[in-house]
Amino acid sequence: QRITWREIIELGRNCIHEYPFETI
């Protein structure tokens, strides 16, 4: 189950765009 930083960054960016923070 190893994961690269690239995968984390790409998945994280997509999730943040779908579930954004209230104050940006």
PDBML (XML) file of the C-alpha atoms, coordinates in Angstrom:
<?xml version="1.0" encoding="UTF-8" ?>
<PDBx:datablock datablockName="MODEL"
   xmlns:PDBx="http://pdbml.pdb.org/schema/pdbx-v50.xsd"
   xmlns:xsi="http://www.w3.org/2001/XMLSchema-instance"
   xsi:schemaLocation="http://pdbml.pdb.org/schema/pdbx-v50.xsd pdbx-v50.xsd">
   <PDBx:atom_siteCategory>
      <PDBx:atom_site id="1">
         <PDBx:B_iso_or_equiv>0.00</PDBx:B_iso_or_equiv>
         <PDBx:Cartn_x>0.000</PDBx:Cartn_x>
         <PDBx:Cartn_y>0.000</PDBx:Cartn_y>
         <PDBx:Cartn_z>0.000</PDBx:Cartn_z>
         <PDBx:auth_asym_id>A</PDBx:auth_asym_id>
         <PDBx:auth_atom_id>CA</PDBx:auth_atom_id>
         <PDBx:auth_comp_id>GLN</PDBx:auth_comp_id>
         <PDBx:auth_seq_id>1</PDBx:auth_seq_id>
         <PDBx:group_PDB>ATOM</PDBx:group_PDB>
         <PDBx:label_alt_id xsi:nil="true" />
         <PDBx:label_asym_id>A</PDBx:label_asym_id>
         <PDBx:label_atom_id>CA</PDBx:label_atom_id>
         <PDBx:label_comp_id>GLN</PDBx:label_comp_id>
         <PDBx:label_entity_id>1</PDBx:label_entity_id>
         <PDBx:label_seq_id>1</PDBx:label_seq_id>
         <PDBx:occupancy>1.00</PDBx:occupancy>
         <PDBx:pdbx_PDB_model_num>1</PDBx:pdbx_PDB_model_num>
         <PDBx:type_symbol>C</PDBx:type_symbol>
      </PDBx:atom_site>
      <PDBx:atom_site id="2">
         <PDBx:B_iso_or_equiv>0.00</PDBx:B_iso_or_equiv>
         <PDBx:Cartn_x>2.828</PDBx:Cartn_x>
         <PDBx:Cartn_y>2.456</PDBx:Cartn_y>
         <PDBx:Cartn_z>-0.621</PDBx:Cartn_z>
         <PDBx:auth_asym_id>A</PDBx:auth_asym_id>
         <PDBx:auth_atom_id>CA</PDBx:auth_atom_id>
         <PDBx:auth_comp_id>ARG</PDBx:auth_comp_id>
         <PDBx:auth_seq_id>2</PDBx:auth_seq_id>
         <PDBx:group_PDB>ATOM</PDBx:group_PDB>
         <PDBx:label_alt_id xsi:nil="true" />
         <PDBx:label_asym_id>A</PDBx:label_asym_id>
         <PDBx:label_atom_id>CA</PDBx:label_atom_id>
         <PDBx:label_comp_id>ARG</PDBx:label_comp_id>
         <PDBx:label_entity_id>1</PDBx:label_entity_id>
         <PDBx:label_seq_id>2</PDBx:label_seq_id>
         <PDBx:occupancy>1.00</PDBx:occupancy>
         <PDBx:pdbx_PDB_model_num>1</PDBx:pdbx_PDB_model_num>
         <PDBx:type_symbol>C</PDBx:type_symbol>
      </PDBx:atom_site>
      <PDBx:atom_site id="3">
         <PDBx:B_iso_or_equiv>0.00</PDBx:B_iso_or_equiv>
         <PDBx:Cartn_x>1.850</PDBx:Cartn_x>
         <PDBx:Cartn_y>5.758</PDBx:Cartn_y>
         <PDBx:Cartn_z>-2.177</PDBx:Cartn_z>
         <PDBx:auth_asym_id>A</PDBx:auth_asym_id>
         <PDBx:auth_atom_id>CA</PDBx:auth_atom_id>
         <PDBx:auth_comp_id>ILE</PDBx:auth_comp_id>
         <PDBx:auth_seq_id>3</PDBx:auth_seq_id>
         <PDBx:group_PDB>ATOM</PDBx:group_PDB>
         <PDBx:label_alt_id xsi:nil="true" />
         <PDBx:label_asym_id>A</PDBx:label_asym_id>
         <PDBx:label_atom_id>CA</PDBx:label_atom_id>
         <PDBx:label_comp_id>ILE</PDBx:label_comp_id>
         <PDBx:label_entity_id>1</PDBx:label_entity_id>
         <PDBx:label_seq_id>3</PDBx:label_seq_id>
         <PDBx:occupancy>1.00</PDBx:occupancy>
         <PDBx:pdbx_PDB_model_num>1</PDBx:pdbx_PDB_model_num>
         <PDBx:type_symbol>C</PDBx:type_symbol>
      </PDBx:atom_site>
      <PDBx:atom_site id="4">
         <PDBx:B_iso_or_equiv>0.00</PDBx:B_iso_or_equiv>
         <PDBx:Cartn_x>3.969</PDBx:Cartn_x>
         <PDBx:Cartn_y>8.446</PDBx:Cartn_y>
         <PDBx:Cartn_z>-3.819</PDBx:Cartn_z>
         <PDBx:auth_asym_id>A</PDBx:auth_asym_id>
         <PDBx:auth_atom_id>CA</PDBx:auth_atom_id>
         <PDBx:auth_comp_id>THR</PDBx:auth_comp_id>
         <PDBx:auth_seq_id>4</PDBx:auth_seq_id>
         <PDBx:group_PDB>ATOM</PDBx:group_PDB>
         <PDBx:label_alt_id xsi:nil="true" />
         <PDBx:label_asym_id>A</PDBx:label_asym_id>
         <PDBx:label_atom_id>CA</PDBx:label_atom_id>
         <PDBx:label_comp_id>THR</PDBx:label_comp_id>
         <PDBx:label_entity_id>1</PDBx:label_entity_id>
         <PDBx:label_seq_id>4</PDBx:label_seq_id>
         <PDBx:occupancy>1.00</PDBx:occupancy>
         <PDBx:pdbx_PDB_model_num>1</PDBx:pdbx_PDB_model_num>
         <PDBx:type_symbol>C</PDBx:type_symbol>
      </PDBx:atom_site>
      <PDBx:atom_site id="5">
         <PDBx:B_iso_or_equiv>0.00</PDBx:B_iso_or_equiv>
         <PDBx:Cartn_x>3.900</PDBx:Cartn_x>
         <PDBx:Cartn_y>12.139</PDBx:Cartn_y>
         <PDBx:Cartn_z>-2.999</PDBx:Cartn_z>
         <PDBx:auth_asym_id>A</PDBx:auth_asym_id>
         <PDBx:auth_atom_id>CA</PDBx:auth_atom_id>
         <PDBx:auth_comp_id>TRP</PDBx:auth_comp_id>
         <PDBx:auth_seq_id>5</PDBx:auth_seq_id>
         <PDBx:group_PDB>ATOM</PDBx:group_PDB>
         <PDBx:label_alt_id xsi:nil="true" />
         <PDBx:label_asym_id>A</PDBx:label_asym_id>
         <PDBx:label_atom_id>CA</PDBx:label_atom_id>
         <PDBx:label_comp_id>TRP</PDBx:label_comp_id>
         <PDBx:label_entity_id>1</PDBx:label_entity_id>
         <PDBx:label_seq_id>5</PDBx:label_seq_id>
         <PDBx:occupancy>1.00</PDBx:occupancy>
         <PDBx:pdbx_PDB_model_num>1</PDBx:pdbx_PDB_model_num>
         <PDBx:type_symbol>C</PDBx:type_symbol>
      </PDBx:atom_site>
      <PDBx:atom_site id="6">
         <PDBx:B_iso_or_equiv>0.00</PDBx:B_iso_or_equiv>
         <PDBx:Cartn_x>2.646</PDBx:Cartn_x>
         <PDBx:Cartn_y>12.762</PDBx:Cartn_y>
         <PDBx:Cartn_z>-6.557</PDBx:Cartn_z>
         <PDBx:auth_asym_id>A</PDBx:auth_asym_id>
         <PDBx:auth_atom_id>CA</PDBx:auth_atom_id>
         <PDBx:auth_comp_id>ARG</PDBx:auth_comp_id>
         <PDBx:auth_seq_id>6</PDBx:auth_seq_id>
         <PDBx:group_PDB>ATOM</PDBx:group_PDB>
         <PDBx:label_alt_id xsi:nil="true" />
         <PDBx:label_asym_id>A</PDBx:label_asym_id>
         <PDBx:label_atom_id>CA</PDBx:label_atom_id>
         <PDBx:label_comp_id>ARG</PDBx:label_comp_id>
         <PDBx:label_entity_id>1</PDBx:label_entity_id>
         <PDBx:label_seq_id>6</PDBx:label_seq_id>
         <PDBx:occupancy>1.00</PDBx:occupancy>
         <PDBx:pdbx_PDB_model_num>1</PDBx:pdbx_PDB_model_num>
         <PDBx:type_symbol>C</PDBx:type_symbol>
      </PDBx:atom_site>
      <PDBx:atom_site id="7">
         <PDBx:B_iso_or_equiv>0.00</PDBx:B_iso_or_equiv>
         <PDBx:Cartn_x>-0.407</PDBx:Cartn_x>
         <PDBx:Cartn_y>10.602</PDBx:Cartn_y>
         <PDBx:Cartn_z>-5.926</PDBx:Cartn_z>
         <PDBx:auth_asym_id>A</PDBx:auth_asym_id>
         <PDBx:auth_atom_id>CA</PDBx:auth_atom_id>
         <PDBx:auth_comp_id>GLU</PDBx:auth_comp_id>
         <PDBx:auth_seq_id>7</PDBx:auth_seq_id>
         <PDBx:group_PDB>ATOM</PDBx:group_PDB>
         <PDBx:label_alt_id xsi:nil="true" />
         <PDBx:label_asym_id>A</PDBx:label_asym_id>
         <PDBx:label_atom_id>CA</PDBx:label_atom_id>
         <PDBx:label_comp_id>GLU</PDBx:label_comp_id>
         <PDBx:label_entity_id>1</PDBx:label_entity_id>
         <PDBx:label_seq_id>7</PDBx:label_seq_id>
         <PDBx:occupancy>1.00</PDBx:occupancy>
         <PDBx:pdbx_PDB_model_num>1</PDBx:pdbx_PDB_model_num>
         <PDBx:type_symbol>C</PDBx:type_symbol>
      </PDBx:atom_site>
      <PDBx:atom_site id="8">
         <PDBx:B_iso_or_equiv>0.00</PDBx:B_iso_or_equiv>
         <PDBx:Cartn_x>-1.089</PDBx:Cartn_x>
         <PDBx:Cartn_y>12.337</PDBx:Cartn_y>
         <PDBx:Cartn_z>-2.630</PDBx:Cartn_z>
         <PDBx:auth_asym_id>A</PDBx:auth_asym_id>
         <PDBx:auth_atom_id>CA</PDBx:auth_atom_id>
         <PDBx:auth_comp_id>ILE</PDBx:auth_comp_id>
         <PDBx:auth_seq_id>8</PDBx:auth_seq_id>
         <PDBx:group_PDB>ATOM</PDBx:group_PDB>
         <PDBx:label_alt_id xsi:nil="true" />
         <PDBx:label_asym_id>A</PDBx:label_asym_id>
         <PDBx:label_atom_id>CA</PDBx:label_atom_id>
         <PDBx:label_comp_id>ILE</PDBx:label_comp_id>
         <PDBx:label_entity_id>1</PDBx:label_entity_id>
         <PDBx:label_seq_id>8</PDBx:label_seq_id>
         <PDBx:occupancy>1.00</PDBx:occupancy>
         <PDBx:pdbx_PDB_model_num>1</PDBx:pdbx_PDB_model_num>
         <PDBx:type_symbol>C</PDBx:type_symbol>
      </PDBx:atom_site>
      <PDBx:atom_site id="9">
         <PDBx:B_iso_or_equiv>0.00</PDBx:B_iso_or_equiv>
         <PDBx:Cartn_x>-0.731</PDBx:Cartn_x>
         <PDBx:Cartn_y>15.807</PDBx:Cartn_y>
         <PDBx:Cartn_z>-4.184</PDBx:Cartn_z>
         <PDBx:auth_asym_id>A</PDBx:auth_asym_id>
         <PDBx:auth_atom_id>CA</PDBx:auth_atom_id>
         <PDBx:auth_comp_id>ILE</PDBx:auth_comp_id>
         <PDBx:auth_seq_id>9</PDBx:auth_seq_id>
         <PDBx:group_PDB>ATOM</PDBx:group_PDB>
         <PDBx:label_alt_id xsi:nil="true" />
         <PDBx:label_asym_id>A</PDBx:label_asym_id>
         <PDBx:label_atom_id>CA</PDBx:label_atom_id>
         <PDBx:label_comp_id>ILE</PDBx:label_comp_id>
         <PDBx:label_entity_id>1</PDBx:label_entity_id>
         <PDBx:label_seq_id>9</PDBx:label_seq_id>
         <PDBx:occupancy>1.00</PDBx:occupancy>
         <PDBx:pdbx_PDB_model_num>1</PDBx:pdbx_PDB_model_num>
         <PDBx:type_symbol>C</PDBx:type_symbol>
      </PDBx:atom_site>
      <PDBx:atom_site id="10">
         <PDBx:B_iso_or_equiv>0.00</PDBx:B_iso_or_equiv>
         <PDBx:Cartn_x>-2.952</PDBx:Cartn_x>
         <PDBx:Cartn_y>15.033</PDBx:Cartn_y>
         <PDBx:Cartn_z>-7.179</PDBx:Cartn_z>
         <PDBx:auth_asym_id>A</PDBx:auth_asym_id>
         <PDBx:auth_atom_id>CA</PDBx:auth_atom_id>
         <PDBx:auth_comp_id>GLU</PDBx:auth_comp_id>
         <PDBx:auth_seq_id>10</PDBx:auth_seq_id>
         <PDBx:group_PDB>ATOM</PDBx:group_PDB>
         <PDBx:label_alt_id xsi:nil="true" />
         <PDBx:label_asym_id>A</PDBx:label_asym_id>
         <PDBx:label_atom_id>CA</PDBx:label_atom_id>
         <PDBx:label_comp_id>GLU</PDBx:label_comp_id>
         <PDBx:label_entity_id>1</PDBx:label_entity_id>
         <PDBx:label_seq_id>10</PDBx:label_seq_id>
         <PDBx:occupancy>1.00</PDBx:occupancy>
         <PDBx:pdbx_PDB_model_num>1</PDBx:pdbx_PDB_model_num>
         <PDBx:type_symbol>C</PDBx:type_symbol>
      </PDBx:atom_site>
      <PDBx:atom_site id="11">
         <PDBx:B_iso_or_equiv>0.00</PDBx:B_iso_or_equiv>
         <PDBx:Cartn_x>-5.630</PDBx:Cartn_x>
         <PDBx:Cartn_y>13.274</PDBx:Cartn_y>
         <PDBx:Cartn_z>-5.133</PDBx:Cartn_z>
         <PDBx:auth_asym_id>A</PDBx:auth_asym_id>
         <PDBx:auth_atom_id>CA</PDBx:auth_atom_id>
         <PDBx:auth_comp_id>LEU</PDBx:auth_comp_id>
         <PDBx:auth_seq_id>11</PDBx:auth_seq_id>
         <PDBx:group_PDB>ATOM</PDBx:group_PDB>
         <PDBx:label_alt_id xsi:nil="true" />
         <PDBx:label_asym_id>A</PDBx:label_asym_id>
         <PDBx:label_atom_id>CA</PDBx:label_atom_id>
         <PDBx:label_comp_id>LEU</PDBx:label_comp_id>
         <PDBx:label_entity_id>1</PDBx:label_entity_id>
         <PDBx:label_seq_id>11</PDBx:label_seq_id>
         <PDBx:occupancy>1.00</PDBx:occupancy>
         <PDBx:pdbx_PDB_model_num>1</PDBx:pdbx_PDB_model_num>
         <PDBx:type_symbol>C</PDBx:type_symbol>
      </PDBx:atom_site>
      <PDBx:atom_site id="12">
         <PDBx:B_iso_or_equiv>0.00</PDBx:B_iso_or_equiv>
         <PDBx:Cartn_x>-5.460</PDBx:Cartn_x>
         <PDBx:Cartn_y>15.988</PDBx:Cartn_y>
         <PDBx:Cartn_z>-2.476</PDBx:Cartn_z>
         <PDBx:auth_asym_id>A</PDBx:auth_asym_id>
         <PDBx:auth_atom_id>CA</PDBx:auth_atom_id>
         <PDBx:auth_comp_id>GLY</PDBx:auth_comp_id>
         <PDBx:auth_seq_id>12</PDBx:auth_seq_id>
         <PDBx:group_PDB>ATOM</PDBx:group_PDB>
         <PDBx:label_alt_id xsi:nil="true" />
         <PDBx:label_asym_id>A</PDBx:label_asym_id>
         <PDBx:label_atom_id>CA</PDBx:label_atom_id>
         <PDBx:label_comp_id>GLY</PDBx:label_comp_id>
         <PDBx:label_entity_id>1</PDBx:label_entity_id>
         <PDBx:label_seq_id>12</PDBx:label_seq_id>
         <PDBx:occupancy>1.00</PDBx:occupancy>
         <PDBx:pdbx_PDB_model_num>1</PDBx:pdbx_PDB_model_num>
         <PDBx:type_symbol>C</PDBx:type_symbol>
      </PDBx:atom_site>
      <PDBx:atom_site id="13">
         <PDBx:B_iso_or_equiv>0.00</PDBx:B_iso_or_equiv>
         <PDBx:Cartn_x>-5.861</PDBx:Cartn_x>
         <PDBx:Cartn_y>18.777</PDBx:Cartn_y>
         <PDBx:Cartn_z>-5.038</PDBx:Cartn_z>
         <PDBx:auth_asym_id>A</PDBx:auth_asym_id>
         <PDBx:auth_atom_id>CA</PDBx:auth_atom_id>
         <PDBx:auth_comp_id>ARG</PDBx:auth_comp_id>
         <PDBx:auth_seq_id>13</PDBx:auth_seq_id>
         <PDBx:group_PDB>ATOM</PDBx:group_PDB>
         <PDBx:label_alt_id xsi:nil="true" />
         <PDBx:label_asym_id>A</PDBx:label_asym_id>
         <PDBx:label_atom_id>CA</PDBx:label_atom_id>
         <PDBx:label_comp_id>ARG</PDBx:label_comp_id>
         <PDBx:label_entity_id>1</PDBx:label_entity_id>
         <PDBx:label_seq_id>13</PDBx:label_seq_id>
         <PDBx:occupancy>1.00</PDBx:occupancy>
         <PDBx:pdbx_PDB_model_num>1</PDBx:pdbx_PDB_model_num>
         <PDBx:type_symbol>C</PDBx:type_symbol>
      </PDBx:atom_site>
      <PDBx:atom_site id="14">
         <PDBx:B_iso_or_equiv>0.00</PDBx:B_iso_or_equiv>
         <PDBx:Cartn_x>-8.923</PDBx:Cartn_x>
         <PDBx:Cartn_y>17.099</PDBx:Cartn_y>
         <PDBx:Cartn_z>-6.558</PDBx:Cartn_z>
         <PDBx:auth_asym_id>A</PDBx:auth_asym_id>
         <PDBx:auth_atom_id>CA</PDBx:auth_atom_id>
         <PDBx:auth_comp_id>ASN</PDBx:auth_comp_id>
         <PDBx:auth_seq_id>14</PDBx:auth_seq_id>
         <PDBx:group_PDB>ATOM</PDBx:group_PDB>
         <PDBx:label_alt_id xsi:nil="true" />
         <PDBx:label_asym_id>A</PDBx:label_asym_id>
         <PDBx:label_atom_id>CA</PDBx:label_atom_id>
         <PDBx:label_comp_id>ASN</PDBx:label_comp_id>
         <PDBx:label_entity_id>1</PDBx:label_entity_id>
         <PDBx:label_seq_id>14</PDBx:label_seq_id>
         <PDBx:occupancy>1.00</PDBx:occupancy>
         <PDBx:pdbx_PDB_model_num>1</PDBx:pdbx_PDB_model_num>
         <PDBx:type_symbol>C</PDBx:type_symbol>
      </PDBx:atom_site>
      <PDBx:atom_site id="15">
         <PDBx:B_iso_or_equiv>0.00</PDBx:B_iso_or_equiv>
         <PDBx:Cartn_x>-10.483</PDBx:Cartn_x>
         <PDBx:Cartn_y>16.568</PDBx:Cartn_y>
         <PDBx:Cartn_z>-3.135</PDBx:Cartn_z>
         <PDBx:auth_asym_id>A</PDBx:auth_asym_id>
         <PDBx:auth_atom_id>CA</PDBx:auth_atom_id>
         <PDBx:auth_comp_id>CYS</PDBx:auth_comp_id>
         <PDBx:auth_seq_id>15</PDBx:auth_seq_id>
         <PDBx:group_PDB>ATOM</PDBx:group_PDB>
         <PDBx:label_alt_id xsi:nil="true" />
         <PDBx:label_asym_id>A</PDBx:label_asym_id>
         <PDBx:label_atom_id>CA</PDBx:label_atom_id>
         <PDBx:label_comp_id>CYS</PDBx:label_comp_id>
         <PDBx:label_entity_id>1</PDBx:label_entity_id>
         <PDBx:label_seq_id>15</PDBx:label_seq_id>
         <PDBx:occupancy>1.00</PDBx:occupancy>
         <PDBx:pdbx_PDB_model_num>1</PDBx:pdbx_PDB_model_num>
         <PDBx:type_symbol>C</PDBx:type_symbol>
      </PDBx:atom_site>
      <PDBx:atom_site id="16">
         <PDBx:B_iso_or_equiv>0.00</PDBx:B_iso_or_equiv>
         <PDBx:Cartn_x>-9.835</PDBx:Cartn_x>
         <PDBx:Cartn_y>20.151</PDBx:Cartn_y>
         <PDBx:Cartn_z>-2.023</PDBx:Cartn_z>
         <PDBx:auth_asym_id>A</PDBx:auth_asym_id>
         <PDBx:auth_atom_id>CA</PDBx:auth_atom_id>
         <PDBx:auth_comp_id>ILE</PDBx:auth_comp_id>
         <PDBx:auth_seq_id>16</PDBx:auth_seq_id>
         <PDBx:group_PDB>ATOM</PDBx:group_PDB>
         <PDBx:label_alt_id xsi:nil="true" />
         <PDBx:label_asym_id>A</PDBx:label_asym_id>
         <PDBx:label_atom_id>CA</PDBx:label_atom_id>
         <PDBx:label_comp_id>ILE</PDBx:label_comp_id>
         <PDBx:label_entity_id>1</PDBx:label_entity_id>
         <PDBx:label_seq_id>16</PDBx:label_seq_id>
         <PDBx:occupancy>1.00</PDBx:occupancy>
         <PDBx:pdbx_PDB_model_num>1</PDBx:pdbx_PDB_model_num>
         <PDBx:type_symbol>C</PDBx:type_symbol>
      </PDBx:atom_site>
      <PDBx:atom_site id="17">
         <PDBx:B_iso_or_equiv>0.00</PDBx:B_iso_or_equiv>
         <PDBx:Cartn_x>-11.534</PDBx:Cartn_x>
         <PDBx:Cartn_y>21.418</PDBx:Cartn_y>
         <PDBx:Cartn_z>-5.179</PDBx:Cartn_z>
         <PDBx:auth_asym_id>A</PDBx:auth_asym_id>
         <PDBx:auth_atom_id>CA</PDBx:auth_atom_id>
         <PDBx:auth_comp_id>HIS</PDBx:auth_comp_id>
         <PDBx:auth_seq_id>17</PDBx:auth_seq_id>
         <PDBx:group_PDB>ATOM</PDBx:group_PDB>
         <PDBx:label_alt_id xsi:nil="true" />
         <PDBx:label_asym_id>A</PDBx:label_asym_id>
         <PDBx:label_atom_id>CA</PDBx:label_atom_id>
         <PDBx:label_comp_id>HIS</PDBx:label_comp_id>
         <PDBx:label_entity_id>1</PDBx:label_entity_id>
         <PDBx:label_seq_id>17</PDBx:label_seq_id>
         <PDBx:occupancy>1.00</PDBx:occupancy>
         <PDBx:pdbx_PDB_model_num>1</PDBx:pdbx_PDB_model_num>
         <PDBx:type_symbol>C</PDBx:type_symbol>
      </PDBx:atom_site>
      <PDBx:atom_site id="18">
         <PDBx:B_iso_or_equiv>0.00</PDBx:B_iso_or_equiv>
         <PDBx:Cartn_x>-14.516</PDBx:Cartn_x>
         <PDBx:Cartn_y>19.154</PDBx:Cartn_y>
         <PDBx:Cartn_z>-4.497</PDBx:Cartn_z>
         <PDBx:auth_asym_id>A</PDBx:auth_asym_id>
         <PDBx:auth_atom_id>CA</PDBx:auth_atom_id>
         <PDBx:auth_comp_id>GLU</PDBx:auth_comp_id>
         <PDBx:auth_seq_id>18</PDBx:auth_seq_id>
         <PDBx:group_PDB>ATOM</PDBx:group_PDB>
         <PDBx:label_alt_id xsi:nil="true" />
         <PDBx:label_asym_id>A</PDBx:label_asym_id>
         <PDBx:label_atom_id>CA</PDBx:label_atom_id>
         <PDBx:label_comp_id>GLU</PDBx:label_comp_id>
         <PDBx:label_entity_id>1</PDBx:label_entity_id>
         <PDBx:label_seq_id>18</PDBx:label_seq_id>
         <PDBx:occupancy>1.00</PDBx:occupancy>
         <PDBx:pdbx_PDB_model_num>1</PDBx:pdbx_PDB_model_num>
         <PDBx:type_symbol>C</PDBx:type_symbol>
      </PDBx:atom_site>
      <PDBx:atom_site id="19">
         <PDBx:B_iso_or_equiv>0.00</PDBx:B_iso_or_equiv>
         <PDBx:Cartn_x>-14.636</PDBx:Cartn_x>
         <PDBx:Cartn_y>19.788</PDBx:Cartn_y>
         <PDBx:Cartn_z>-0.739</PDBx:Cartn_z>
         <PDBx:auth_asym_id>A</PDBx:auth_asym_id>
         <PDBx:auth_atom_id>CA</PDBx:auth_atom_id>
         <PDBx:auth_comp_id>TYR</PDBx:auth_comp_id>
         <PDBx:auth_seq_id>19</PDBx:auth_seq_id>
         <PDBx:group_PDB>ATOM</PDBx:group_PDB>
         <PDBx:label_alt_id xsi:nil="true" />
         <PDBx:label_asym_id>A</PDBx:label_asym_id>
         <PDBx:label_atom_id>CA</PDBx:label_atom_id>
         <PDBx:label_comp_id>TYR</PDBx:label_comp_id>
         <PDBx:label_entity_id>1</PDBx:label_entity_id>
         <PDBx:label_seq_id>19</PDBx:label_seq_id>
         <PDBx:occupancy>1.00</PDBx:occupancy>
         <PDBx:pdbx_PDB_model_num>1</PDBx:pdbx_PDB_model_num>
         <PDBx:type_symbol>C</PDBx:type_symbol>
      </PDBx:atom_site>
      <PDBx:atom_site id="20">
         <PDBx:B_iso_or_equiv>0.00</PDBx:B_iso_or_equiv>
         <PDBx:Cartn_x>-13.124</PDBx:Cartn_x>
         <PDBx:Cartn_y>23.271</PDBx:Cartn_y>
         <PDBx:Cartn_z>-0.332</PDBx:Cartn_z>
         <PDBx:auth_asym_id>A</PDBx:auth_asym_id>
         <PDBx:auth_atom_id>CA</PDBx:auth_atom_id>
         <PDBx:auth_comp_id>PRO</PDBx:auth_comp_id>
         <PDBx:auth_seq_id>20</PDBx:auth_seq_id>
         <PDBx:group_PDB>ATOM</PDBx:group_PDB>
         <PDBx:label_alt_id xsi:nil="true" />
         <PDBx:label_asym_id>A</PDBx:label_asym_id>
         <PDBx:label_atom_id>CA</PDBx:label_atom_id>
         <PDBx:label_comp_id>PRO</PDBx:label_comp_id>
         <PDBx:label_entity_id>1</PDBx:label_entity_id>
         <PDBx:label_seq_id>20</PDBx:label_seq_id>
         <PDBx:occupancy>1.00</PDBx:occupancy>
         <PDBx:pdbx_PDB_model_num>1</PDBx:pdbx_PDB_model_num>
         <PDBx:type_symbol>C</PDBx:type_symbol>
      </PDBx:atom_site>
      <PDBx:atom_site id="21">
         <PDBx:B_iso_or_equiv>0.00</PDBx:B_iso_or_equiv>
         <PDBx:Cartn_x>-12.370</PDBx:Cartn_x>
         <PDBx:Cartn_y>24.965</PDBx:Cartn_y>
         <PDBx:Cartn_z>2.938</PDBx:Cartn_z>
         <PDBx:auth_asym_id>A</PDBx:auth_asym_id>
         <PDBx:auth_atom_id>CA</PDBx:auth_atom_id>
         <PDBx:auth_comp_id>PHE</PDBx:auth_comp_id>
         <PDBx:auth_seq_id>21</PDBx:auth_seq_id>
         <PDBx:group_PDB>ATOM</PDBx:group_PDB>
         <PDBx:label_alt_id xsi:nil="true" />
         <PDBx:label_asym_id>A</PDBx:label_asym_id>
         <PDBx:label_atom_id>CA</PDBx:label_atom_id>
         <PDBx:label_comp_id>PHE</PDBx:label_comp_id>
         <PDBx:label_entity_id>1</PDBx:label_entity_id>
         <PDBx:label_seq_id>21</PDBx:label_seq_id>
         <PDBx:occupancy>1.00</PDBx:occupancy>
         <PDBx:pdbx_PDB_model_num>1</PDBx:pdbx_PDB_model_num>
         <PDBx:type_symbol>C</PDBx:type_symbol>
      </PDBx:atom_site>
      <PDBx:atom_site id="22">
         <PDBx:B_iso_or_equiv>0.00</PDBx:B_iso_or_equiv>
         <PDBx:Cartn_x>-14.818</PDBx:Cartn_x>
         <PDBx:Cartn_y>27.555</PDBx:Cartn_y>
         <PDBx:Cartn_z>4.162</PDBx:Cartn_z>
         <PDBx:auth_asym_id>A</PDBx:auth_asym_id>
         <PDBx:auth_atom_id>CA</PDBx:auth_atom_id>
         <PDBx:auth_comp_id>GLU</PDBx:auth_comp_id>
         <PDBx:auth_seq_id>22</PDBx:auth_seq_id>
         <PDBx:group_PDB>ATOM</PDBx:group_PDB>
         <PDBx:label_alt_id xsi:nil="true" />
         <PDBx:label_asym_id>A</PDBx:label_asym_id>
         <PDBx:label_atom_id>CA</PDBx:label_atom_id>
         <PDBx:label_comp_id>GLU</PDBx:label_comp_id>
         <PDBx:label_entity_id>1</PDBx:label_entity_id>
         <PDBx:label_seq_id>22</PDBx:label_seq_id>
         <PDBx:occupancy>1.00</PDBx:occupancy>
         <PDBx:pdbx_PDB_model_num>1</PDBx:pdbx_PDB_model_num>
         <PDBx:type_symbol>C</PDBx:type_symbol>
      </PDBx:atom_site>
      <PDBx:atom_site id="23">
         <PDBx:B_iso_or_equiv>0.00</PDBx:B_iso_or_equiv>
         <PDBx:Cartn_x>-12.296</PDBx:Cartn_x>
         <PDBx:Cartn_y>30.391</PDBx:Cartn_y>
         <PDBx:Cartn_z>4.434</PDBx:Cartn_z>
         <PDBx:auth_asym_id>A</PDBx:auth_asym_id>
         <PDBx:auth_atom_id>CA</PDBx:auth_atom_id>
         <PDBx:auth_comp_id>THR</PDBx:auth_comp_id>
         <PDBx:auth_seq_id>23</PDBx:auth_seq_id>
         <PDBx:group_PDB>ATOM</PDBx:group_PDB>
         <PDBx:label_alt_id xsi:nil="true" />
         <PDBx:label_asym_id>A</PDBx:label_asym_id>
         <PDBx:label_atom_id>CA</PDBx:label_atom_id>
         <PDBx:label_comp_id>THR</PDBx:label_comp_id>
         <PDBx:label_entity_id>1</PDBx:label_entity_id>
         <PDBx:label_seq_id>23</PDBx:label_seq_id>
         <PDBx:occupancy>1.00</PDBx:occupancy>
         <PDBx:pdbx_PDB_model_num>1</PDBx:pdbx_PDB_model_num>
         <PDBx:type_symbol>C</PDBx:type_symbol>
      </PDBx:atom_site>
      <PDBx:atom_site id="24">
         <PDBx:B_iso_or_equiv>0.00</PDBx:B_iso_or_equiv>
         <PDBx:Cartn_x>-9.821</PDBx:Cartn_x>
         <PDBx:Cartn_y>30.635</PDBx:Cartn_y>
         <PDBx:Cartn_z>1.579</PDBx:Cartn_z>
         <PDBx:auth_asym_id>A</PDBx:auth_asym_id>
         <PDBx:auth_atom_id>CA</PDBx:auth_atom_id>
         <PDBx:auth_comp_id>ILE</PDBx:auth_comp_id>
         <PDBx:auth_seq_id>24</PDBx:auth_seq_id>
         <PDBx:group_PDB>ATOM</PDBx:group_PDB>
         <PDBx:label_alt_id xsi:nil="true" />
         <PDBx:label_asym_id>A</PDBx:label_asym_id>
         <PDBx:label_atom_id>CA</PDBx:label_atom_id>
         <PDBx:label_comp_id>ILE</PDBx:label_comp_id>
         <PDBx:label_entity_id>1</PDBx:label_entity_id>
         <PDBx:label_seq_id>24</PDBx:label_seq_id>
         <PDBx:occupancy>1.00</PDBx:occupancy>
         <PDBx:pdbx_PDB_model_num>1</PDBx:pdbx_PDB_model_num>
         <PDBx:type_symbol>C</PDBx:type_symbol>
      </PDBx:atom_site>
   </PDBx:atom_siteCategory>
</PDBx:datablock>
